[in-house]
C-alpha atoms as a PDB file:
ATOM      1  CA  UNK A   1     123.395  67.881  75.438  1.00  0.00           C
ATOM      2  CA  UNK A   2     120.556  70.378  76.037  1.00  0.00           C
ATOM      3  CA  UNK A   3     120.400  72.120  79.180  1.00  0.00           C
ATOM      4  CA  UNK A   4     116.979  73.241  81.234  1.00  0.00           C
ATOM      5  CA  UNK A   5     117.461  75.564  84.130  1.00  0.00           C
ATOM      6  CA  UNK A   6     114.632  76.463  86.502  1.00  0.00           C
ATOM      7  CA  UNK A   7     114.497  79.744  88.656  1.00  0.00           C
ATOM      8  CA  UNK A   8     112.094  80.462  91.313  1.00  0.00           C
ATOM      9  CA  UNK A   9     111.799  83.926  93.312  1.00  0.00           C
ATOM     10  CA  UNK A  10     109.295  84.414  96.253  1.00  0.00           C
ATOM     11  CA  UNK A  11     107.088  87.671  96.192  1.00  0.00           C
ATOM     12  CA  UNK A  12     106.747  89.650  99.315  1.00  0.00           C
ATOM     13  CA  UNK A  13     104.104  91.392 101.797  1.00  0.00           C
ATOM     14  CA  UNK A  14     105.671  95.007 102.608  1.00  0.00           C
ATOM     15  CA  UNK A  15     104.910  96.131 106.415  1.00  0.00           C
ATOM     16  CA  UNK A  16     106.312  99.497 106.745  1.00  0.00           C
ATOM     17  CA  UNK A  17     108.749 101.976 104.757  1.00  0.00           C
ATOM     18  CA  UNK A  18     107.883 101.476 101.444  1.00  0.00           C
ATOM     19  CA  UNK A  19     108.467 104.295  98.809  1.00  0.00           C
ATOM     20  CA  UNK A  20     111.455 105.054 101.053  1.00  0.00           C
ATOM     21  CA  UNK A  21     113.234 102.761  99.123  1.00  0.00           C
ATOM     22  CA  UNK A  22     113.365 104.315  95.766  1.00  0.00           C
ATOM     23  CA  UNK A  23     116.593 106.249  95.289  1.00  0.00           C
ATOM     24  CA  UNK A  24     117.377 109.415  95.531  1.00  0.00           C
ATOM     25  CA  UNK A  25     114.427 109.560  97.896  1.00  0.00           C
ATOM     26  CA  UNK A  26     115.899 107.528 101.105  1.00  0.00           C
ATOM     27  CA  UNK A  27     119.077 109.936 101.266  1.00  0.00           C
ATOM     28  CA  UNK A  28     116.501 112.884 102.380  1.00  0.00           C
ATOM     29  CA  UNK A  29     115.153 110.939 104.993  1.00  0.00           C
ATOM     30  CA  UNK A  30     117.473 109.212 107.371  1.00  0.00           C
ATOM     31  CA  UNK A  31     117.670 106.417 108.714  1.00  0.00           C
ATOM     32  CA  UNK A  32     115.399 104.901 105.516  1.00  0.00           C
ATOM     33  CA  UNK A  33     114.402 101.514 106.499  1.00  0.00           C
ATOM     34  CA  UNK A  34     112.055  99.576 104.522  1.00  0.00           C
ATOM     35  CA  UNK A  35     110.562  95.978 106.384  1.00  0.00           C
ATOM     36  CA  UNK A  36     109.140  93.421 104.202  1.00  0.00           C
ATOM     37  CA  UNK A  37     108.248  89.757 104.318  1.00  0.00           C
ATOM     38  CA  UNK A  38     108.560  86.959 101.728  1.00  0.00           C
ATOM     39  CA  UNK A  39     105.624  84.892 100.781  1.00  0.00           C
ATOM     40  CA  UNK A  40     105.538  81.594  98.963  1.00  0.00           C
ATOM     41  CA  UNK A  41     103.297  82.819  96.014  1.00  0.00           C
ATOM     42  CA  UNK A  42     106.806  82.215  93.566  1.00  0.00           C
ATOM     43  CA  UNK A  43     107.502  83.915  90.186  1.00  0.00           C
ATOM     44  CA  UNK A  44     108.911  81.027  88.280  1.00  0.00           C
ATOM     45  CA  UNK A  45     111.004  80.841  85.024  1.00  0.00           C
ATOM     46  CA  UNK A  46     112.197  77.809  82.704  1.00  0.00           C
ATOM     47  CA  UNK A  47     114.693  78.295  80.157  1.00  0.00           C
ATOM     48  CA  UNK A  48     115.532  74.827  77.637  1.00  0.00           C
ATOM     49  CA  UNK A  49     117.564  74.725  75.184  1.00  0.00           C
ATOM     50  CA  UNK A  50     115.535  72.923  72.144  1.00  0.00           C
ATOM     51  CA  UNK A  51     116.823  71.522  68.948  1.00  0.00           C
ATOM     52  CA  UNK A  52     114.660  73.931  66.788  1.00  0.00           C
ATOM     53  CA  UNK A  53     115.398  77.445  66.013  1.00  0.00           C
ATOM     54  CA  UNK A  54     114.508  80.664  67.742  1.00  0.00           C
ATOM     55  CA  UNK A  55     113.577  81.879  71.102  1.00  0.00           C
ATOM     56  CA  UNK A  56     109.879  80.933  72.180  1.00  0.00           C
ATOM     57  CA  UNK A  57     108.665  82.907  75.042  1.00  0.00           C
ATOM     58  CA  UNK A  58     105.468  81.220  76.870  1.00  0.00           C
ATOM     59  CA  UNK A  59     103.997  83.650  79.934  1.00  0.00           C
ATOM     60  CA  UNK A  60     101.229  81.236  81.366  1.00  0.00           C
ATOM     61  CA  UNK A  61     100.263  83.699  83.617  1.00  0.00           C
ATOM     62  CA  UNK A  62      99.400  86.298  81.166  1.00  0.00           C
ATOM     63  CA  UNK A  63      98.374  83.340  78.788  1.00  0.00           C
ATOM     64  CA  UNK A  64     100.565  85.015  76.192  1.00  0.00           C
ATOM     65  CA  UNK A  65     103.360  83.856  73.799  1.00  0.00           C
ATOM     66  CA  UNK A  66     106.155  85.300  71.266  1.00  0.00           C
ATOM     67  CA  UNK A  67     108.287  83.836  68.859  1.00  0.00           C
ATOM     68  CA  UNK A  68     111.400  85.561  67.672  1.00  0.00           C
ATOM     69  CA  UNK A  69     113.818  83.972  64.669  1.00  0.00           C
ATOM     70  CA  UNK A  70     116.651  85.451  66.718  1.00  0.00           C
ATOM     71  CA  UNK A  71     118.134  87.728  69.913  1.00  0.00           C
ATOM     72  CA  UNK A  72     118.789  90.523  67.365  1.00  0.00           C
ATOM     73  CA  UNK A  73     115.204  90.253  66.118  1.00  0.00           C
ATOM     74  CA  UNK A  74     113.496  90.620  70.019  1.00  0.00           C
ATOM     75  CA  UNK A  75     110.880  93.154  69.437  1.00  0.00           C
ATOM     76  CA  UNK A  76     107.930  94.310  72.303  1.00  0.00           C
ATOM     77  CA  UNK A  77     106.413  96.673  70.444  1.00  0.00           C
ATOM     78  CA  UNK A  78     103.159  94.932  69.485  1.00  0.00           C
ATOM     79  CA  UNK A  79     102.511  93.185  73.127  1.00  0.00           C
ATOM     80  CA  UNK A  80     103.605  95.672  75.843  1.00  0.00           C
ATOM     81  CA  UNK A  81     102.807  93.071  78.511  1.00  0.00           C
ATOM     82  CA  UNK A  82     106.029  90.664  77.287  1.00  0.00           C
ATOM     83  CA  UNK A  83     108.345  93.993  77.458  1.00  0.00           C
ATOM     84  CA  UNK A  84     110.299  93.098  80.668  1.00  0.00           C
ATOM     85  CA  UNK A  85     110.909  89.514  79.159  1.00  0.00           C
ATOM     86  CA  UNK A  86     111.857  90.588  76.138  1.00  0.00           C
ATOM     87  CA  UNK A  87     114.167  93.305  77.197  1.00  0.00           C
ATOM     88  CA  UNK A  88     115.838  90.652  79.314  1.00  0.00           C
ATOM     89  CA  UNK A  89     116.221  88.320  76.544  1.00  0.00           C
ATOM     90  CA  UNK A  90     117.517  90.460  74.474  1.00  0.00           C
ATOM     91  CA  UNK A  91     120.029  91.804  76.923  1.00  0.00           C
ATOM     92  CA  UNK A  92     121.205  88.355  77.364  1.00  0.00           C
ATOM     93  CA  UNK A  93     121.475  87.409  73.565  1.00  0.00           C
ATOM     94  CA  UNK A  94     120.359  83.911  74.355  1.00  0.00           C
ATOM     95  CA  UNK A  95     121.842  81.733  71.060  1.00  0.00           C
ATOM     96  CA  UNK A  96     118.655  80.181  69.016  1.00  0.00           C
ATOM     97  CA  UNK A  97     117.024  77.474  69.997  1.00  0.00           C
ATOM     98  CA  UNK A  98     115.700  78.195  73.489  1.00  0.00           C
ATOM     99  CA  UNK A  99     112.251  78.159  75.105  1.00  0.00           C
ATOM    100  CA  UNK A 100     111.654  80.213  78.087  1.00  0.00           C
ATOM    101  CA  UNK A 101     108.232  79.853  80.313  1.00  0.00           C
ATOM    102  CA  UNK A 102     107.174  82.154  82.967  1.00  0.00           C
ATOM    103  CA  UNK A 103     104.811  81.935  85.358  1.00  0.00           C
ATOM    104  CA  UNK A 104     103.520  83.800  88.627  1.00  0.00           C
ATOM    105  CA  UNK A 105     101.531  82.449  91.228  1.00  0.00           C
ATOM    106  CA  UNK A 106     100.753  86.144  92.475  1.00  0.00           C
ATOM    107  CA  UNK A 107      97.886  87.504  90.621  1.00  0.00           C
ATOM    108  CA  UNK A 108      98.991  90.320  88.328  1.00  0.00           C
ATOM    109  CA  UNK A 109      98.701  93.855  90.116  1.00  0.00           C
ATOM    110  CA  UNK A 110      98.522  92.447  93.759  1.00  0.00           C
ATOM    111  CA  UNK A 111     100.793  94.865  95.237  1.00  0.00           C
ATOM    112  CA  UNK A 112     103.138  91.928  96.275  1.00  0.00           C
ATOM    113  CA  UNK A 113     106.237  92.681  93.968  1.00  0.00           C
ATOM    114  CA  UNK A 114     105.315  89.604  91.254  1.00  0.00           C
ATOM    115  CA  UNK A 115     106.750  91.145  88.358  1.00  0.00           C
ATOM    116  CA  UNK A 116     110.280  92.119  90.429  1.00  0.00           C
ATOM    117  CA  UNK A 117     110.309  88.599  91.578  1.00  0.00           C
ATOM    118  CA  UNK A 118     109.760  87.311  87.957  1.00  0.00           C
ATOM    119  CA  UNK A 119     112.738  89.449  86.798  1.00  0.00           C
ATOM    120  CA  UNK A 120     115.137  88.128  89.181  1.00  0.00           C
ATOM    121  CA  UNK A 121     113.975  84.771  88.627  1.00  0.00           C
ATOM    122  CA  UNK A 122     114.808  85.487  84.538  1.00  0.00           C
ATOM    123  CA  UNK A 123     117.890  87.330  85.309  1.00  0.00           C
ATOM    124  CA  UNK A 124     119.073  84.667  87.098  1.00  0.00           C
ATOM    125  CA  UNK A 125     117.840  81.680  84.938  1.00  0.00           C
ATOM    126  CA  UNK A 126     119.334  83.300  81.775  1.00  0.00           C
ATOM    127  CA  UNK A 127     122.499  84.186  83.547  1.00  0.00           C
ATOM    128  CA  UNK A 128     122.836  80.372  84.886  1.00  0.00           C
ATOM    129  CA  UNK A 129     122.482  79.302  80.959  1.00  0.00           C
ATOM    130  CA  UNK A 130     125.088  81.310  79.987  1.00  0.00           C
ATOM    131  CA  UNK A 131     126.994  80.347  82.960  1.00  0.00           C
ATOM    132  CA  UNK A 132     127.622  83.769  83.731  1.00  0.00           C
ATOM    133  CA  UNK A 133     128.312  84.214  87.770  1.00  0.00           C
ATOM    134  CA  UNK A 134     125.978  86.993  89.265  1.00  0.00           C
ATOM    135  CA  UNK A 135     126.635  88.012  93.009  1.00  0.00           C
ATOM    136  CA  UNK A 136     123.591  88.935  94.670  1.00  0.00           C
ATOM    137  CA  UNK A 137     123.862  92.546  94.442  1.00  0.00           C
ATOM    138  CA  UNK A 138     124.607  92.320  90.982  1.00  0.00           C
ATOM    139  CA  UNK A 139     121.565  90.518  90.190  1.00  0.00           C
ATOM    140  CA  UNK A 140     119.695  93.107  91.797  1.00  0.00           C
ATOM    141  CA  UNK A 141     120.940  96.042  90.279  1.00  0.00           C
ATOM    142  CA  UNK A 142     120.739  94.248  86.614  1.00  0.00           C
ATOM    143  CA  UNK A 143     117.086  93.103  87.538  1.00  0.00           C
ATOM    144  CA  UNK A 144     116.089  96.804  88.698  1.00  0.00           C
ATOM    145  CA  UNK A 145     117.298  98.270  85.646  1.00  0.00           C
ATOM    146  CA  UNK A 146     115.642  95.886  83.213  1.00  0.00           C
ATOM    147  CA  UNK A 147     111.820  96.548  85.000  1.00  0.00           C
ATOM    148  CA  UNK A 148     112.618 100.609  85.005  1.00  0.00           C
ATOM    149  CA  UNK A 149     113.705 100.301  81.731  1.00  0.00           C
ATOM    150  CA  UNK A 150     110.184  98.630  81.165  1.00  0.00           C
ATOM    151  CA  UNK A 151     107.792 100.723  83.435  1.00  0.00           C
ATOM    152  CA  UNK A 152     109.497 104.230  82.546  1.00  0.00           C
ATOM    153  CA  UNK A 153     109.231 105.513  86.099  1.00  0.00           C
ATOM    154  CA  UNK A 154     111.593 105.000  88.875  1.00  0.00           C
ATOM    155  CA  UNK A 155     111.552 101.730  90.944  1.00  0.00           C
ATOM    156  CA  UNK A 156     112.336 100.981  94.438  1.00  0.00           C
ATOM    157  CA  UNK A 157     114.559  98.062  95.820  1.00  0.00           C
ATOM    158  CA  UNK A 158     112.542  96.232  98.148  1.00  0.00           C
ATOM    159  CA  UNK A 159     110.973  93.332  96.245  1.00  0.00           C
ATOM    160  CA  UNK A 160     114.314  92.566  94.692  1.00  0.00           C
ATOM    161  CA  UNK A 161     115.827  91.842  98.156  1.00  0.00           C
ATOM    162  CA  UNK A 162     112.843  89.859  99.317  1.00  0.00           C
ATOM    163  CA  UNK A 163     112.838  87.838  95.844  1.00  0.00           C
ATOM    164  CA  UNK A 164     116.662  87.109  96.544  1.00  0.00           C
ATOM    165  CA  UNK A 165     116.856  86.679 100.067  1.00  0.00           C
ATOM    166  CA  UNK A 166     113.282  85.604 101.514  1.00  0.00           C
ATOM    167  CA  UNK A 167     112.483  85.523 105.285  1.00  0.00           C
ATOM    168  CA  UNK A 168     111.651  89.049 106.973  1.00  0.00           C
ATOM    169  CA  UNK A 169     114.131  91.480 105.793  1.00  0.00           C
ATOM    170  CA  UNK A 170     115.441  94.774 107.255  1.00  0.00           C
ATOM    171  CA  UNK A 171     116.556  96.877 104.038  1.00  0.00           C
ATOM    172  CA  UNK A 172     117.930 100.100 105.223  1.00  0.00           C
ATOM    173  CA  UNK A 173     119.232 102.785 102.328  1.00  0.00           C
ATOM    174  CA  UNK A 174     122.108 104.957 103.256  1.00  0.00           C
ATOM    175  CA  UNK A 175     124.652 107.200 102.003  1.00  0.00           C
ATOM    176  CA  UNK A 176     127.097 104.565 101.751  1.00  0.00           C
ATOM    177  CA  UNK A 177     124.647 101.996 100.088  1.00  0.00           C
ATOM    178  CA  UNK A 178     122.117  99.132 100.840  1.00  0.00           C
ATOM    179  CA  UNK A 179     122.340  96.939 103.611  1.00  0.00           C
ATOM    180  CA  UNK A 180     119.723  94.095 104.055  1.00  0.00           C
ATOM    181  CA  UNK A 181     119.303  92.095 107.436  1.00  0.00           C
ATOM    182  CA  UNK A 182     117.221  89.595 108.674  1.00  0.00           C
ATOM    183  CA  UNK A 183     114.944  91.292 111.261  1.00  0.00           C
ATOM    184  CA  UNK A 184     112.900  87.983 112.564  1.00  0.00           C
ATOM    185  CA  UNK A 185     113.499  84.177 112.354  1.00  0.00           C
ATOM    186  CA  UNK A 186     112.826  80.867 114.282  1.00  0.00           C
ATOM    187  CA  UNK A 187     109.769  80.936 116.435  1.00  0.00           C
ATOM    188  CA  UNK A 188     108.647  84.504 115.974  1.00  0.00           C
ATOM    189  CA  UNK A 189     108.469  83.897 112.008  1.00  0.00           C
ATOM    190  CA  UNK A 190     106.132  80.942 112.979  1.00  0.00           C
ATOM    191  CA  UNK A 191     103.681  82.810 115.101  1.00  0.00           C
ATOM    192  CA  UNK A 192     103.799  85.903 112.512  1.00  0.00           C
ATOM    193  CA  UNK A 193     103.429  83.199 109.349  1.00  0.00           C
ATOM    194  CA  UNK A 194      99.981  81.822 111.685  1.00  0.00           C
ATOM    195  CA  UNK A 195      98.480  85.474 111.787  1.00  0.00           C
ATOM    196  CA  UNK A 196      98.832  86.331 108.073  1.00  0.00           C
ATOM    197  CA  UNK A 197      95.739  86.593 105.978  1.00  0.00           C
ATOM    198  CA  UNK A 198      96.534  87.586 102.398  1.00  0.00           C
ATOM    199  CA  UNK A 199      93.248  88.500 100.689  1.00  0.00           C
ATOM    200  CA  UNK A 200      93.212  89.696  96.717  1.00  0.00           C
ATOM    201  CA  UNK A 201      90.151  92.175  95.779  1.00  0.00           C
ATOM    202  CA  UNK A 202      90.385  91.380  92.398  1.00  0.00           C
ATOM    203  CA  UNK A 203      91.113  94.733  91.236  1.00  0.00           C
ATOM    204  CA  UNK A 204      94.373  94.736  89.959  1.00  0.00           C
ATOM    205  CA  UNK A 205      97.015  98.264  90.519  1.00  0.00           C
ATOM    206  CA  UNK A 206      99.900  99.987  89.158  1.00  0.00           C
ATOM    207  CA  UNK A 207     102.316 101.071  91.696  1.00  0.00           C
ATOM    208  CA  UNK A 208     104.269 103.115  89.560  1.00  0.00           C
ATOM    209  CA  UNK A 209     101.411 105.938  89.281  1.00  0.00           C
ATOM    210  CA  UNK A 210     101.365 106.889  92.848  1.00  0.00           C
ATOM    211  CA  UNK A 211     104.703 106.565  93.601  1.00  0.00           C
ATOM    212  CA  UNK A 212     105.262 108.405  90.363  1.00  0.00           C
ATOM    213  CA  UNK A 213     103.187 111.039  91.899  1.00  0.00           C
ATOM    214  CA  UNK A 214     104.780 111.222  95.352  1.00  0.00           C
ATOM    215  CA  UNK A 215     108.018 111.136  93.855  1.00  0.00           C
ATOM    216  CA  UNK A 216     107.486 114.091  91.723  1.00  0.00           C
ATOM    217  CA  UNK A 217     105.850 116.239  94.503  1.00  0.00           C
ATOM    218  CA  UNK A 218     108.656 115.211  96.648  1.00  0.00           C
ATOM    219  CA  UNK A 219     111.784 116.543  93.664  1.00  0.00           C
ATOM    220  CA  UNK A 220     109.293 119.571  93.787  1.00  0.00           C
ATOM    221  CA  UNK A 221     109.641 120.744  97.692  1.00  0.00           C
ATOM    222  CA  UNK A 222     106.074 119.836  98.374  1.00  0.00           C
ATOM    223  CA  UNK A 223     106.066 120.499 102.113  1.00  0.00           C
ATOM    224  CA  UNK A 224     103.108 117.895 102.541  1.00  0.00           C
ATOM    225  CA  UNK A 225     104.776 115.367 100.916  1.00  0.00           C
ATOM    226  CA  UNK A 226     108.210 115.707 102.756  1.00  0.00           C
ATOM    227  CA  UNK A 227     106.122 115.552 105.870  1.00  0.00           C
ATOM    228  CA  UNK A 228     104.447 112.499 104.838  1.00  0.00           C
ATOM    229  CA  UNK A 229     108.031 110.416 104.020  1.00  0.00           C
ATOM    230  CA  UNK A 230     108.902 111.777 107.480  1.00  0.00           C
ATOM    231  CA  UNK A 231     106.010 110.195 109.196  1.00  0.00           C
ATOM    232  CA  UNK A 232     106.673 106.901 106.980  1.00  0.00           C
ATOM    233  CA  UNK A 233     110.213 106.952 108.202  1.00  0.00           C
ATOM    234  CA  UNK A 234     109.600 107.202 111.668  1.00  0.00           C
ATOM    235  CA  UNK A 235     106.987 104.499 111.605  1.00  0.00           C
ATOM    236  CA  UNK A 236     109.331 102.253 109.642  1.00  0.00           C
ATOM    237  CA  UNK A 237     111.534 102.495 112.652  1.00  0.00           C
ATOM    238  CA  UNK A 238     108.724 101.524 115.221  1.00  0.00           C
ATOM    239  CA  UNK A 239     108.295  98.615 112.642  1.00  0.00           C
ATOM    240  CA  UNK A 240     111.820  97.268 112.896  1.00  0.00           C
ATOM    241  CA  UNK A 241     111.919  97.704 116.932  1.00  0.00           C
ATOM    242  CA  UNK A 242     108.441  96.135 116.827  1.00  0.00           C
ATOM    243  CA  UNK A 243     109.852  92.792 114.751  1.00  0.00           C
ATOM    244  CA  UNK A 244     113.051  93.066 117.201  1.00  0.00           C
ATOM    245  CA  UNK A 245     111.079  92.778 120.311  1.00  0.00           C
ATOM    246  CA  UNK A 246     108.954  90.035 118.729  1.00  0.00           C
ATOM    247  CA  UNK A 247     105.795  92.028 120.033  1.00  0.00           C
ATOM    248  CA  UNK A 248     103.216  91.075 117.350  1.00  0.00           C
ATOM    249  CA  UNK A 249     100.746  93.503 118.735  1.00  0.00           C
ATOM    250  CA  UNK A 250     103.214  96.355 117.967  1.00  0.00           C
ATOM    251  CA  UNK A 251     103.884  95.466 114.873  1.00  0.00           C
ATOM    252  CA  UNK A 252      99.977  95.151 114.171  1.00  0.00           C
ATOM    253  CA  UNK A 253     100.096  98.707 115.694  1.00  0.00           C
ATOM    254  CA  UNK A 254     102.676 100.011 113.124  1.00  0.00           C
ATOM    255  CA  UNK A 255     100.936  98.075 110.368  1.00  0.00           C
ATOM    256  CA  UNK A 256      97.631 100.009 111.064  1.00  0.00           C
ATOM    257  CA  UNK A 257      99.986 103.405 111.292  1.00  0.00           C
ATOM    258  CA  UNK A 258     101.574 102.899 108.325  1.00  0.00           C
ATOM    259  CA  UNK A 259      98.095 102.350 106.309  1.00  0.00           C
ATOM    260  CA  UNK A 260      96.671 105.277 108.116  1.00  0.00           C
ATOM    261  CA  UNK A 261      99.632 107.530 106.973  1.00  0.00           C
ATOM    262  CA  UNK A 262      99.312 106.521 103.375  1.00  0.00           C
ATOM    263  CA  UNK A 263      95.800 106.880 103.334  1.00  0.00           C
ATOM    264  CA  UNK A 264      95.699 110.423 104.457  1.00  0.00           C
ATOM    265  CA  UNK A 265      98.130 111.379 101.906  1.00  0.00           C
ATOM    266  CA  UNK A 266      96.732 109.524  98.825  1.00  0.00           C
ATOM    267  CA  UNK A 267      93.040 109.093  99.273  1.00  0.00           C
ATOM    268  CA  UNK A 268      93.227 106.888  95.740  1.00  0.00           C
ATOM    269  CA  UNK A 269      95.457 104.023  97.605  1.00  0.00           C
ATOM    270  CA  UNK A 270      91.731 102.836  98.947  1.00  0.00           C
ATOM    271  CA  UNK A 271      88.502 102.167  97.629  1.00  0.00           C
ATOM    272  CA  UNK A 272      84.993 101.925  99.131  1.00  0.00           C
ATOM    273  CA  UNK A 273      85.381  98.129  98.498  1.00  0.00           C
ATOM    274  CA  UNK A 274      88.788  97.886 100.557  1.00  0.00           C
ATOM    275  CA  UNK A 275      87.625 100.183 103.004  1.00  0.00           C
ATOM    276  CA  UNK A 276      84.380  97.826 103.430  1.00  0.00           C
ATOM    277  CA  UNK A 277      86.599  94.507 104.004  1.00  0.00           C
ATOM    278  CA  UNK A 278      89.220  96.495 106.274  1.00  0.00           C
ATOM    279  CA  UNK A 279      85.954  97.316 108.851  1.00  0.00           C
ATOM    280  CA  UNK A 280      84.704  94.024 108.394  1.00  0.00           C
ATOM    281  CA  UNK A 281      88.079  92.363 109.546  1.00  0.00           C
ATOM    282  CA  UNK A 282      88.239  94.753 112.531  1.00  0.00           C
ATOM    283  CA  UNK A 283      84.538  93.676 113.403  1.00  0.00           C
ATOM    284  CA  UNK A 284      85.896  90.093 113.400  1.00  0.00           C
ATOM    285  CA  UNK A 285      89.202  90.759 115.624  1.00  0.00           C
ATOM    286  CA  UNK A 286      91.858  91.063 113.021  1.00  0.00           C
ATOM    287  CA  UNK A 287      94.525  93.084 114.698  1.00  0.00           C
ATOM    288  CA  UNK A 288      96.193  94.976 111.921  1.00  0.00           C
ATOM    289  CA  UNK A 289      95.173  95.540 108.182  1.00  0.00           C
ATOM    290  CA  UNK A 290      97.230  97.132 105.484  1.00  0.00           C
ATOM    291  CA  UNK A 291      96.897  97.500 101.491  1.00  0.00           C
ATOM    292  CA  UNK A 292      99.855  96.002  99.815  1.00  0.00           C
ATOM    293  CA  UNK A 293     101.964  98.105  97.668  1.00  0.00           C
ATOM    294  CA  UNK A 294     100.872 101.452  96.416  1.00  0.00           C
ATOM    295  CA  UNK A 295      97.337 101.011  96.873  1.00  0.00           C
ATOM    296  CA  UNK A 296      94.150 101.599  94.858  1.00  0.00           C
ATOM    297  CA  UNK A 297      93.721  97.788  94.296  1.00  0.00           C
ATOM    298  CA  UNK A 298      95.618  94.434  94.566  1.00  0.00           C
ATOM    299  CA  UNK A 299      96.014  92.661  97.929  1.00  0.00           C
ATOM    300  CA  UNK A 300      95.033  93.489 101.422  1.00  0.00           C
ATOM    301  CA  UNK A 301      97.228  91.948 104.271  1.00  0.00           C
ATOM    302  CA  UNK A 302      94.915  90.957 107.378  1.00  0.00           C
ATOM    303  CA  UNK A 303      96.965  90.248 110.610  1.00  0.00           C
ATOM    304  CA  UNK A 304      94.311  88.363 112.599  1.00  0.00           C
ATOM    305  CA  UNK A 305      94.651  85.927 115.687  1.00  0.00           C
ATOM    306  CA  UNK A 306      94.209  82.180 114.878  1.00  0.00           C
ATOM    307  CA  UNK A 307      91.097  81.890 116.830  1.00  0.00           C
ATOM    308  CA  UNK A 308      89.586  84.592 114.644  1.00  0.00           C
ATOM    309  CA  UNK A 309      90.563  83.482 111.181  1.00  0.00           C
ATOM    310  CA  UNK A 310      87.411  81.162 110.716  1.00  0.00           C
ATOM    311  CA  UNK A 311      84.743  83.728 111.154  1.00  0.00           C
ATOM    312  CA  UNK A 312      87.157  86.631 109.083  1.00  0.00           C
ATOM    313  CA  UNK A 313      87.277  84.214 106.078  1.00  0.00           C
ATOM    314  CA  UNK A 314      83.654  83.371 106.463  1.00  0.00           C
ATOM    315  CA  UNK A 315      82.939  87.308 106.092  1.00  0.00           C
ATOM    316  CA  UNK A 316      85.226  87.893 103.547  1.00  0.00           C
ATOM    317  CA  UNK A 317      84.093  85.312 101.170  1.00  0.00           C
ATOM    318  CA  UNK A 318      80.243  86.885 101.603  1.00  0.00           C
ATOM    319  CA  UNK A 319      82.148  89.993  99.482  1.00  0.00           C
ATOM    320  CA  UNK A 320      84.051  87.226  96.872  1.00  0.00           C
ATOM    321  CA  UNK A 321      87.380  88.241  98.237  1.00  0.00           C
ATOM    322  CA  UNK A 322      89.726  85.652  97.195  1.00  0.00           C
ATOM    323  CA  UNK A 323      92.224  84.088 100.020  1.00  0.00           C
ATOM    324  CA  UNK A 324      95.996  83.614  98.665  1.00  0.00           C
ATOM    325  CA  UNK A 325      97.156  80.921 101.114  1.00  0.00           C
ATOM    326  CA  UNK A 326     100.641  81.288 101.524  1.00  0.00           C
ATOM    327  CA  UNK A 327     103.714  80.782 104.006  1.00  0.00           C
ATOM    328  CA  UNK A 328     107.208  82.792 104.714  1.00  0.00           C
ATOM    329  CA  UNK A 329     109.723  81.052 102.977  1.00  0.00           C
ATOM    330  CA  UNK A 330     112.985  81.096 104.658  1.00  0.00           C
ATOM    331  CA  UNK A 331     115.193  81.188 102.003  1.00  0.00           C
ATOM    332  CA  UNK A 332     114.571  83.573  98.585  1.00  0.00           C
ATOM    333  CA  UNK A 333     115.828  82.643  94.888  1.00  0.00           C
ATOM    334  CA  UNK A 334     116.183  79.227  94.011  1.00  0.00           C
ATOM    335  CA  UNK A 335     118.038  78.155  90.659  1.00  0.00           C
ATOM    336  CA  UNK A 336     118.896  74.601  89.663  1.00  0.00           C
ATOM    337  CA  UNK A 337     119.147  72.535  86.340  1.00  0.00           C
ATOM    338  CA  UNK A 338     116.934  69.794  85.757  1.00  0.00           C
END
């Protein structure tokens, strides 16, 4: 009997400590923390055994597809947008006669870790099809390795942890390894969810460019970049404490500080359009605002009192900013046979 495996993984919003999750940078700034929250914009992968021959890949979110007669013929040189999935398929070496369909509810280049969530979902689905058991840490390492090969610059860890675990995470990077802890639950997550407003600017961005620039300058010993990472570290600790105290005002203050630190270091993280939307949000009563990921486009996270939401959404609509409705899923990766 033919089998079909469906895997779904949430994307994420980073609150503080992003970029500290790239090895080995975190070893130089202890304690290194990243705080993020999973969101219900899912990356999904369906792997279906077919009676035909060959491997058929359909990327719905990119409106692209490819066909290979067998796994040893998989090639991505003609279409780099399919490279990560092609690498995963070749690494698992599935038998001929499968169809793989991918989709992601987060826009491409949104800064919400969509490609990493897709890598997690695809790895989990292909492993299940091959009846290969993978523990969470192994799954994360495998997906991250394939994505690193694809984008050809060092990648961090935070996106994969949000995709696997869901909820709100404190991810600590230490000399002996990585530890993930839930940093909020219950009523505070409900309150945070009610204050979230995620807006897509319409312009995608590539996080690897800004992160690679910082990585190289840090490795070269640039004192300005070293100070920048120390400030990120201190603010990530403040963000963790704000979450643990369930203090939304303090969370908003740390979010604003993270954005100020990053924008001062890399002015290219913002654009005139982003600056305009953030100014609008503050006039409309937003408590906090930060561009997701490495900036330069993608999404903006606003923390706004529910009573002020309608006014802010109306202001943003005048600038044709796209609001992405989302919630905070309490669980992460889901895999099942259908």
